[in-house]
Amino acid sequence: MTINRLLITGAAGNLGKEARNHFHGKFPHVRLSDRTPMDAAREGEEIVQCDLTERDTVEKMLEGVDAVIHLGGQPNEADWDTVINSNLIGAINVYEGARKAGTDRIIFASSNHAIGMHERATTIDHKCEARPDTRYGLSKAFGEDLGRLYSYKHGIRCMNLRIGSCFPKPFDARSLVTWLSYADFCRLLEVGLTADYQFEIVYGTSANKETWWDNSNAERLGYKPQDSSEQYRDEFDNMHFDDPVGEQLQGGMFSANEFSFDLEKLKKLK
């Protein structure tokens, strides 16, 4: 399917800005959405200020849209009301609006925190069970299942990016493993917009030397990461969490926050 109109939600955020700049001029029309103000529209761009919890506004925004890069929502841990409104209701409105509009595909910004309660000693792939480490992580697991519903029942192509740590450079020892460069992030988006698939889960990570994730599914679809965190290893190699939960579980501080189970019992659950 030819993409004439691309929608990017969360376009005022850090990743939204990267996606906006990357796709500028690559499609006839790029619609940019966020709750907060953005820079003025350039040629081929349209700015839409939209709260994703407002169903009618979201449905109007989806009209004529061929593909969505859904980055909007609460970007980290928060209270239940915030997570439910921003990440559950907001995602439902986007998918339902896409169904009504006849949108072909949605690239969903999931997160490694959807699987953050897995051990670091275990290498997992796209078929592993969800083990969210927070309310935020649970909302991302929900978003993946929401995509399953709309993909298998309504035919919307859905690619879920379990994004690791997407920043200009790693910032601690954990992010040496989970780092996704901005350039590789955009390469993954390109795959999501061009590959032939129905429903997929892939990991948003660069070609780092150490990894907890088997990302062969992304590679099968055409993803070829070009960056690696290895050049930054000397800066962070000796940094570790004081908390044993954060040190042993993939979600790091997200896993450790509010943890009240027995770590050794958890590790026995396969």
C-alpha atoms as a PDB file:
ATOM      1  CA  MET A   1       0.000   0.000   0.000  1.00  0.00           C
ATOM      2  CA  THR A   2       1.269   3.466  -0.880  1.00  0.00           C
ATOM      3  CA  ILE A   3       1.512   5.817   2.085  1.00  0.00           C
ATOM      4  CA  ASN A   4       0.229   9.264   1.167  1.00  0.00           C
ATOM      5  CA  ARG A   5      -0.557  10.495   4.683  1.00  0.00           C
ATOM      6  CA  LEU A   6       1.524   9.493   7.718  1.00  0.00           C
ATOM      7  CA  LEU A   7       0.439  10.384  11.262  1.00  0.00           C
ATOM      8  CA  ILE A   8       2.996  10.701  14.064  1.00  0.00           C
ATOM      9  CA  THR A   9       1.503  10.974  17.562  1.00  0.00           C
ATOM     10  CA  GLY A  10       3.638  12.304  20.385  1.00  0.00           C
ATOM     11  CA  ALA A  11       5.460  14.393  17.798  1.00  0.00           C
ATOM     12  CA  ALA A  12       6.589  17.004  20.353  1.00  0.00           C
ATOM     13  CA  GLY A  13       8.554  14.433  22.391  1.00  0.00           C
ATOM     14  CA  ASN A  14      12.190  13.512  21.898  1.00  0.00           C
ATOM     15  CA  LEU A  15      11.471  10.449  19.759  1.00  0.00           C
ATOM     16  CA  GLY A  16       8.640  12.248  18.010  1.00  0.00           C
ATOM     17  CA  LYS A  17      11.017  15.014  16.968  1.00  0.00           C
ATOM     18  CA  GLU A  18      13.471  12.448  15.597  1.00  0.00           C
ATOM     19  CA  ALA A  19      10.709  10.733  13.610  1.00  0.00           C
ATOM     20  CA  ARG A  20       9.399  14.076  12.363  1.00  0.00           C
ATOM     21  CA  ASN A  21      12.796  15.165  11.066  1.00  0.00           C
ATOM     22  CA  HIS A  22      13.557  11.765   9.571  1.00  0.00           C
ATOM     23  CA  PHE A  23      10.345  11.526   7.568  1.00  0.00           C
ATOM     24  CA  HIS A  24      10.118  15.157   6.527  1.00  0.00           C
ATOM     25  CA  GLY A  25       9.710  15.234   2.757  1.00  0.00           C
ATOM     26  CA  LYS A  26       9.503  11.443   2.414  1.00  0.00           C
ATOM     27  CA  PHE A  27       5.708  11.317   2.099  1.00  0.00           C
ATOM     28  CA  PRO A  28       3.268  13.704   0.425  1.00  0.00           C
ATOM     29  CA  HIS A  29       1.673  14.575   3.776  1.00  0.00           C
ATOM     30  CA  VAL A  30       2.842  14.116   7.378  1.00  0.00           C
ATOM     31  CA  ARG A  31       0.342  14.896  10.130  1.00  0.00           C
ATOM     32  CA  LEU A  32       1.942  15.671  13.498  1.00  0.00           C
ATOM     33  CA  SER A  33       0.019  15.343  16.750  1.00  0.00           C
ATOM     34  CA  ASP A  34       0.679  16.155  20.398  1.00  0.00           C
ATOM     35  CA  ARG A  35      -1.016  17.766  23.387  1.00  0.00           C
ATOM     36  CA  THR A  36       1.742  20.352  23.649  1.00  0.00           C
ATOM     37  CA  PRO A  37       2.729  23.019  21.106  1.00  0.00           C
ATOM     38  CA  MET A  38       5.217  22.147  18.342  1.00  0.00           C
ATOM     39  CA  ASP A  39       7.415  24.069  15.950  1.00  0.00           C
ATOM     40  CA  ALA A  40       5.582  25.525  12.972  1.00  0.00           C
ATOM     41  CA  ALA A  41       4.671  23.157  10.145  1.00  0.00           C
ATOM     42  CA  ARG A  42       7.104  22.874   7.250  1.00  0.00           C
ATOM     43  CA  GLU A  43       6.162  22.069   3.686  1.00  0.00           C
ATOM     44  CA  GLY A  44       4.178  18.829   3.573  1.00  0.00           C
ATOM     45  CA  GLU A  45       3.458  18.906   7.320  1.00  0.00           C
ATOM     46  CA  GLU A  46       0.236  19.498   9.256  1.00  0.00           C
ATOM     47  CA  ILE A  47       0.118  20.256  12.987  1.00  0.00           C
ATOM     48  CA  VAL A  48      -2.804  18.894  15.031  1.00  0.00           C
ATOM     49  CA  GLN A  49      -2.978  19.646  18.758  1.00  0.00           C
ATOM     50  CA  CYS A  50      -4.855  16.678  20.190  1.00  0.00           C
ATOM     51  CA  ASP A  51      -5.421  14.973  23.523  1.00  0.00           C
ATOM     52  CA  LEU A  52      -5.592  11.252  22.776  1.00  0.00           C
ATOM     53  CA  THR A  53      -8.230  10.734  25.463  1.00  0.00           C
ATOM     54  CA  GLU A  54     -10.711  12.765  23.377  1.00  0.00           C
ATOM     55  CA  ARG A  55     -12.277  10.117  21.143  1.00  0.00           C
ATOM     56  CA  ASP A  56     -14.023  12.360  18.623  1.00  0.00           C
ATOM     57  CA  THR A  57     -10.927  14.500  18.131  1.00  0.00           C
ATOM     58  CA  VAL A  58      -8.742  11.422  17.632  1.00  0.00           C
ATOM     59  CA  GLU A  59     -11.144   9.922  15.093  1.00  0.00           C
ATOM     60  CA  LYS A  60     -11.156  13.157  13.122  1.00  0.00           C
ATOM     61  CA  MET A  61      -7.350  13.230  13.236  1.00  0.00           C
ATOM     62  CA  LEU A  62      -7.190   9.685  11.767  1.00  0.00           C
ATOM     63  CA  GLU A  63      -9.301  10.557   8.726  1.00  0.00           C
ATOM     64  CA  GLY A  64      -7.368   9.896   5.528  1.00  0.00           C
ATOM     65  CA  VAL A  65      -4.353   8.452   7.379  1.00  0.00           C
ATOM     66  CA  ASP A  66      -2.608   5.488   5.756  1.00  0.00           C
ATOM     67  CA  ALA A  67      -0.076   4.712   8.503  1.00  0.00           C
ATOM     68  CA  VAL A  68       0.502   5.722  12.124  1.00  0.00           C
ATOM     69  CA  ILE A  69       3.670   5.953  14.190  1.00  0.00           C
ATOM     70  CA  HIS A  70       2.101   5.947  17.654  1.00  0.00           C
ATOM     71  CA  LEU A  71       4.545   7.519  20.106  1.00  0.00           C
ATOM     72  CA  GLY A  72       2.028   9.510  22.150  1.00  0.00           C
ATOM     73  CA  GLY A  73       1.174   8.824  25.776  1.00  0.00           C
ATOM     74  CA  GLN A  74       2.689   8.791  29.246  1.00  0.00           C
ATOM     75  CA  PRO A  75       6.422   8.048  28.698  1.00  0.00           C
ATOM     76  CA  ASN A  76       7.314   6.566  32.090  1.00  0.00           C
ATOM     77  CA  GLU A  77       5.902   5.317  35.386  1.00  0.00           C
ATOM     78  CA  ALA A  78       3.007   7.265  36.897  1.00  0.00           C
ATOM     79  CA  ASP A  79      -0.113   6.799  39.008  1.00  0.00           C
ATOM     80  CA  TRP A  80      -2.944   4.564  37.791  1.00  0.00           C
ATOM     81  CA  ASP A  81      -5.200   7.360  36.570  1.00  0.00           C
ATOM     82  CA  THR A  82      -2.475   8.931  34.444  1.00  0.00           C
ATOM     83  CA  VAL A  83      -1.388   5.621  32.921  1.00  0.00           C
ATOM     84  CA  ILE A  84      -4.946   4.465  32.232  1.00  0.00           C
ATOM     85  CA  ASN A  85      -6.013   7.710  30.577  1.00  0.00           C
ATOM     86  CA  SER A  86      -2.882   8.377  28.541  1.00  0.00           C
ATOM     87  CA  ASN A  87      -1.759   4.878  27.584  1.00  0.00           C
ATOM     88  CA  LEU A  88      -4.874   2.704  27.633  1.00  0.00           C
ATOM     89  CA  ILE A  89      -7.724   4.978  26.652  1.00  0.00           C
ATOM     90  CA  GLY A  90      -5.457   6.940  24.336  1.00  0.00           C
ATOM     91  CA  ALA A  91      -4.280   3.800  22.546  1.00  0.00           C
ATOM     92  CA  ILE A  92      -7.831   2.455  22.253  1.00  0.00           C
ATOM     93  CA  ASN A  93      -8.921   5.702  20.633  1.00  0.00           C
ATOM     94  CA  VAL A  94      -6.038   5.573  18.146  1.00  0.00           C
ATOM     95  CA  TYR A  95      -6.743   1.973  17.106  1.00  0.00           C
ATOM     96  CA  GLU A  96     -10.481   2.486  16.874  1.00  0.00           C
ATOM     97  CA  GLY A  97      -9.992   5.666  14.888  1.00  0.00           C
ATOM     98  CA  ALA A  98      -7.625   3.808  12.567  1.00  0.00           C
ATOM     99  CA  ARG A  99     -10.187   1.041  12.056  1.00  0.00           C
ATOM    100  CA  LYS A 100     -12.870   3.524  11.094  1.00  0.00           C
ATOM    101  CA  ALA A 101     -10.486   5.388   8.788  1.00  0.00           C
ATOM    102  CA  GLY A 102      -9.277   2.259   6.993  1.00  0.00           C
ATOM    103  CA  THR A 103      -5.670   2.848   8.081  1.00  0.00           C
ATOM    104  CA  ASP A 104      -3.293   0.168   6.818  1.00  0.00           C
ATOM    105  CA  ARG A 105      -0.740  -0.060   9.648  1.00  0.00           C
ATOM    106  CA  ILE A 106       0.256   1.168  13.082  1.00  0.00           C
ATOM    107  CA  ILE A 107       3.763   1.158  14.513  1.00  0.00           C
ATOM    108  CA  PHE A 108       3.333   1.096  18.281  1.00  0.00           C
ATOM    109  CA  ALA A 109       5.993   2.355  20.672  1.00  0.00           C
ATOM    110  CA  SER A 110       5.989  -0.452  23.203  1.00  0.00           C
ATOM    111  CA  SER A 111       8.750  -0.785  25.772  1.00  0.00           C
ATOM    112  CA  ASN A 112      11.235  -3.175  27.300  1.00  0.00           C
ATOM    113  CA  HIS A 113       9.312  -2.550  30.520  1.00  0.00           C
ATOM    114  CA  ALA A 114       6.559  -4.798  29.164  1.00  0.00           C
ATOM    115  CA  ILE A 115       9.008  -7.646  29.872  1.00  0.00           C
ATOM    116  CA  GLY A 116      11.083  -6.060  32.653  1.00  0.00           C
ATOM    117  CA  MET A 117      10.478  -8.752  35.284  1.00  0.00           C
ATOM    118  CA  HIS A 118      12.450 -11.330  33.302  1.00  0.00           C
ATOM    119  CA  GLU A 119      15.913 -12.134  34.614  1.00  0.00           C
ATOM    120  CA  ARG A 120      18.950 -10.608  32.964  1.00  0.00           C
ATOM    121  CA  ALA A 121      20.487 -14.070  32.894  1.00  0.00           C
ATOM    122  CA  THR A 122      17.731 -15.208  30.506  1.00  0.00           C
ATOM    123  CA  THR A 123      17.818 -14.330  26.815  1.00  0.00           C
ATOM    124  CA  ILE A 124      14.279 -13.744  25.540  1.00  0.00           C
ATOM    125  CA  ASP A 125      12.774 -13.223  22.102  1.00  0.00           C
ATOM    126  CA  HIS A 126       9.528 -11.838  20.694  1.00  0.00           C
ATOM    127  CA  LYS A 127       7.608 -14.966  21.779  1.00  0.00           C
ATOM    128  CA  CYS A 128       8.315 -14.664  25.509  1.00  0.00           C
ATOM    129  CA  GLU A 129       5.491 -13.959  27.923  1.00  0.00           C
ATOM    130  CA  ALA A 130       4.884 -10.391  28.975  1.00  0.00           C
ATOM    131  CA  ARG A 131       6.219  -9.630  32.467  1.00  0.00           C
ATOM    132  CA  PRO A 132       5.581  -5.921  32.991  1.00  0.00           C
ATOM    133  CA  ASP A 133       7.587  -4.263  35.741  1.00  0.00           C
ATOM    134  CA  THR A 134       5.367  -1.229  36.395  1.00  0.00           C
ATOM    135  CA  ARG A 135       1.978   0.282  35.670  1.00  0.00           C
ATOM    136  CA  TYR A 136       3.665   1.900  32.692  1.00  0.00           C
ATOM    137  CA  GLY A 137       5.045  -1.463  31.526  1.00  0.00           C
ATOM    138  CA  LEU A 138       1.602  -3.020  31.914  1.00  0.00           C
ATOM    139  CA  SER A 139       0.144  -0.324  29.671  1.00  0.00           C
ATOM    140  CA  LYS A 140       2.666  -1.253  26.980  1.00  0.00           C
ATOM    141  CA  ALA A 141       1.797  -4.951  27.270  1.00  0.00           C
ATOM    142  CA  PHE A 142      -1.843  -3.920  26.934  1.00  0.00           C
ATOM    143  CA  GLY A 143      -0.979  -1.916  23.824  1.00  0.00           C
ATOM    144  CA  GLU A 144       0.613  -4.976  22.249  1.00  0.00           C
ATOM    145  CA  ASP A 145      -2.507  -7.059  22.900  1.00  0.00           C
ATOM    146  CA  LEU A 146      -4.683  -4.223  21.627  1.00  0.00           C
ATOM    147  CA  GLY A 147      -2.710  -4.458  18.401  1.00  0.00           C
ATOM    148  CA  ARG A 148      -3.401  -8.196  18.275  1.00  0.00           C
ATOM    149  CA  LEU A 149      -7.125  -7.537  18.449  1.00  0.00           C
ATOM    150  CA  TYR A 150      -7.137  -4.952  15.685  1.00  0.00           C
ATOM    151  CA  SER A 151      -4.646  -6.873  13.566  1.00  0.00           C
ATOM    152  CA  TYR A 152      -6.290 -10.298  13.628  1.00  0.00           C
ATOM    153  CA  LYS A 153      -9.891  -9.084  13.758  1.00  0.00           C
ATOM    154  CA  HIS A 154      -9.788  -5.954  11.611  1.00  0.00           C
ATOM    155  CA  GLY A 155      -6.722  -6.439   9.425  1.00  0.00           C
ATOM    156  CA  ILE A 156      -4.645  -3.482  10.606  1.00  0.00           C
ATOM    157  CA  ARG A 157      -0.954  -4.302  10.275  1.00  0.00           C
ATOM    158  CA  CYS A 158       0.739  -3.767  13.630  1.00  0.00           C
ATOM    159  CA  MET A 159       4.413  -3.664  14.538  1.00  0.00           C
ATOM    160  CA  ASN A 160       5.266  -3.301  18.232  1.00  0.00           C
ATOM    161  CA  LEU A 161       8.683  -1.836  19.043  1.00  0.00           C
ATOM    162  CA  ARG A 162       9.848  -2.881  22.513  1.00  0.00           C
ATOM    163  CA  ILE A 163      12.099   0.136  22.798  1.00  0.00           C
ATOM    164  CA  GLY A 164      15.094  -0.178  25.096  1.00  0.00           C
ATOM    165  CA  SER A 165      16.926   3.027  26.061  1.00  0.00           C
ATOM    166  CA  CYS A 166      16.629   5.432  23.138  1.00  0.00           C
ATOM    167  CA  PHE A 167      18.869   8.407  23.815  1.00  0.00           C
ATOM    168  CA  PRO A 168      21.795  10.131  22.083  1.00  0.00           C
ATOM    169  CA  LYS A 169      24.158   7.882  24.096  1.00  0.00           C
ATOM    170  CA  PRO A 170      23.975   5.334  26.949  1.00  0.00           C
ATOM    171  CA  PHE A 171      23.753   6.856  30.430  1.00  0.00           C
ATOM    172  CA  ASP A 172      24.580   3.896  32.729  1.00  0.00           C
ATOM    173  CA  ALA A 173      25.738   0.263  32.689  1.00  0.00           C
ATOM    174  CA  ARG A 174      22.255  -1.092  32.025  1.00  0.00           C
ATOM    175  CA  SER A 175      21.736   1.125  29.003  1.00  0.00           C
ATOM    176  CA  LEU A 176      24.919  -0.266  27.440  1.00  0.00           C
ATOM    177  CA  VAL A 177      22.783  -3.389  26.937  1.00  0.00           C
ATOM    178  CA  THR A 178      19.470  -1.733  26.084  1.00  0.00           C
ATOM    179  CA  TRP A 179      20.669   1.270  24.045  1.00  0.00           C
ATOM    180  CA  LEU A 180      18.920   2.226  20.813  1.00  0.00           C
ATOM    181  CA  SER A 181      20.483   5.071  18.871  1.00  0.00           C
ATOM    182  CA  TYR A 182      18.258   7.659  17.269  1.00  0.00           C
ATOM    183  CA  ALA A 183      19.472   6.577  13.832  1.00  0.00           C
ATOM    184  CA  ASP A 184      18.656   2.909  14.491  1.00  0.00           C
ATOM    185  CA  PHE A 185      15.282   3.960  15.903  1.00  0.00           C
ATOM    186  CA  CYS A 186      14.504   5.601  12.568  1.00  0.00           C
ATOM    187  CA  ARG A 187      15.754   2.511  10.717  1.00  0.00           C
ATOM    188  CA  LEU A 188      13.251   0.424  12.698  1.00  0.00           C
ATOM    189  CA  LEU A 189      10.466   2.839  11.803  1.00  0.00           C
ATOM    190  CA  GLU A 190      11.405   2.480   8.146  1.00  0.00           C
ATOM    191  CA  VAL A 191      11.030  -1.293   8.474  1.00  0.00           C
ATOM    192  CA  GLY A 192       7.677  -0.848  10.152  1.00  0.00           C
ATOM    193  CA  LEU A 193       6.415   1.286   7.284  1.00  0.00           C
ATOM    194  CA  THR A 194       7.733  -0.867   4.431  1.00  0.00           C
ATOM    195  CA  ALA A 195       7.957  -4.541   5.495  1.00  0.00           C
ATOM    196  CA  ASP A 196       5.268  -7.091   4.700  1.00  0.00           C
ATOM    197  CA  TYR A 197       3.757  -8.378   7.959  1.00  0.00           C
ATOM    198  CA  GLN A 198       0.478  -8.639   9.849  1.00  0.00           C
ATOM    199  CA  PHE A 199       1.424  -8.528  13.535  1.00  0.00           C
ATOM    200  CA  GLU A 200       4.952  -8.462  14.902  1.00  0.00           C
ATOM    201  CA  ILE A 201       6.902  -7.737  18.070  1.00  0.00           C
ATOM    202  CA  VAL A 202      10.499  -6.586  17.731  1.00  0.00           C
ATOM    203  CA  TYR A 203      13.066  -5.129  20.115  1.00  0.00           C
ATOM    204  CA  GLY A 204      14.233  -1.563  19.801  1.00  0.00           C
ATOM    205  CA  THR A 205      17.945  -2.011  20.352  1.00  0.00           C
ATOM    206  CA  SER A 206      21.115  -1.248  18.458  1.00  0.00           C
ATOM    207  CA  ALA A 207      23.861  -3.750  17.601  1.00  0.00           C
ATOM    208  CA  ASN A 208      25.239  -3.769  21.140  1.00  0.00           C
ATOM    209  CA  LYS A 209      27.894  -6.302  22.116  1.00  0.00           C
ATOM    210  CA  GLU A 210      25.919  -7.461  25.157  1.00  0.00           C
ATOM    211  CA  THR A 211      22.189  -8.124  24.925  1.00  0.00           C
ATOM    212  CA  TRP A 212      19.332  -9.818  26.782  1.00  0.00           C
ATOM    213  CA  TRP A 213      17.150  -9.971  23.683  1.00  0.00           C
ATOM    214  CA  ASP A 214      17.154 -12.176  20.613  1.00  0.00           C
ATOM    215  CA  ASN A 215      16.126  -9.672  17.953  1.00  0.00           C
ATOM    216  CA  SER A 216      16.252 -12.029  14.987  1.00  0.00           C
ATOM    217  CA  ASN A 217      12.594 -11.296  14.272  1.00  0.00           C
ATOM    218  CA  ALA A 218      13.429  -7.671  13.513  1.00  0.00           C
ATOM    219  CA  GLU A 219      16.359  -8.761  11.365  1.00  0.00           C
ATOM    220  CA  ARG A 220      14.087 -11.161   9.474  1.00  0.00           C
ATOM    221  CA  LEU A 221      11.893  -8.209   8.560  1.00  0.00           C
ATOM    222  CA  GLY A 222      14.855  -6.207   7.287  1.00  0.00           C
ATOM    223  CA  TYR A 223      16.216  -4.327  10.302  1.00  0.00           C
ATOM    224  CA  LYS A 224      19.977  -3.776  10.105  1.00  0.00           C
ATOM    225  CA  PRO A 225      21.214  -1.743  13.085  1.00  0.00           C
ATOM    226  CA  GLN A 226      24.335   0.267  12.379  1.00  0.00           C
ATOM    227  CA  ASP A 227      25.256   1.589  15.829  1.00  0.00           C
ATOM    228  CA  SER A 228      26.633   0.012  19.008  1.00  0.00           C
ATOM    229  CA  SER A 229      27.036   1.089  22.632  1.00  0.00           C
ATOM    230  CA  GLU A 230      30.491  -0.477  22.825  1.00  0.00           C
ATOM    231  CA  GLN A 231      32.250   2.827  22.172  1.00  0.00           C
ATOM    232  CA  TYR A 232      30.841   4.113  25.490  1.00  0.00           C
ATOM    233  CA  ARG A 233      31.678   1.064  27.646  1.00  0.00           C
ATOM    234  CA  ASP A 234      34.627   2.622  29.467  1.00  0.00           C
ATOM    235  CA  GLU A 235      32.366   5.375  30.776  1.00  0.00           C
ATOM    236  CA  PHE A 236      29.912   3.091  32.588  1.00  0.00           C
ATOM    237  CA  ASP A 237      31.314  -0.435  32.909  1.00  0.00           C
ATOM    238  CA  ASN A 238      31.759  -0.237  36.689  1.00  0.00           C
ATOM    239  CA  MET A 239      28.371   1.279  37.496  1.00  0.00           C
ATOM    240  CA  HIS A 240      25.836  -1.041  39.171  1.00  0.00           C
ATOM    241  CA  PHE A 241      22.609  -0.819  41.165  1.00  0.00           C
ATOM    242  CA  ASP A 242      22.814  -1.134  44.921  1.00  0.00           C
ATOM    243  CA  ASP A 243      19.428  -2.874  44.849  1.00  0.00           C
ATOM    244  CA  PRO A 244      19.698  -6.622  44.000  1.00  0.00           C
ATOM    245  CA  VAL A 245      16.315  -6.538  42.265  1.00  0.00           C
ATOM    246  CA  GLY A 246      17.371  -3.789  39.912  1.00  0.00           C
ATOM    247  CA  GLU A 247      20.672  -5.544  39.324  1.00  0.00           C
ATOM    248  CA  GLN A 248      19.210  -8.946  38.408  1.00  0.00           C
ATOM    249  CA  LEU A 249      16.006  -8.077  36.529  1.00  0.00           C
ATOM    250  CA  GLN A 250      15.881  -6.613  33.056  1.00  0.00           C
ATOM    251  CA  GLY A 251      13.736  -3.623  34.030  1.00  0.00           C
ATOM    252  CA  GLY A 252      16.390  -2.245  36.376  1.00  0.00           C
ATOM    253  CA  MET A 253      15.071   0.504  38.637  1.00  0.00           C
ATOM    254  CA  PHE A 254      11.577   0.027  37.178  1.00  0.00           C
ATOM    255  CA  SER A 255      11.614  -3.574  38.456  1.00  0.00           C
ATOM    256  CA  ALA A 256      12.977  -2.565  41.851  1.00  0.00           C
ATOM    257  CA  ASN A 257      10.466   0.226  42.437  1.00  0.00           C
ATOM    258  CA  GLU A 258       7.704  -0.926  44.833  1.00  0.00           C
ATOM    259  CA  PHE A 259       8.961  -4.546  44.621  1.00  0.00           C
ATOM    260  CA  SER A 260       7.529  -6.599  47.526  1.00  0.00           C
ATOM    261  CA  PHE A 261       7.854 -10.228  46.337  1.00  0.00           C
ATOM    262  CA  ASP A 262      10.712 -12.620  47.144  1.00  0.00           C
ATOM    263  CA  LEU A 263      13.421 -12.299  44.494  1.00  0.00           C
ATOM    264  CA  GLU A 264      14.596 -15.901  44.832  1.00  0.00           C
ATOM    265  CA  LYS A 265      11.039 -17.216  44.466  1.00  0.00           C
ATOM    266  CA  LEU A 266      10.560 -15.033  41.415  1.00  0.00           C
ATOM    267  CA  LYS A 267      13.711 -16.396  39.795  1.00  0.00           C
ATOM    268  CA  LYS A 268      12.361 -19.955  40.128  1.00  0.00           C
ATOM    269  CA  LEU A 269       9.306 -19.089  38.056  1.00  0.00           C
ATOM    270  CA  LYS A 270      10.138 -20.057  34.488  1.00  0.00           C
END
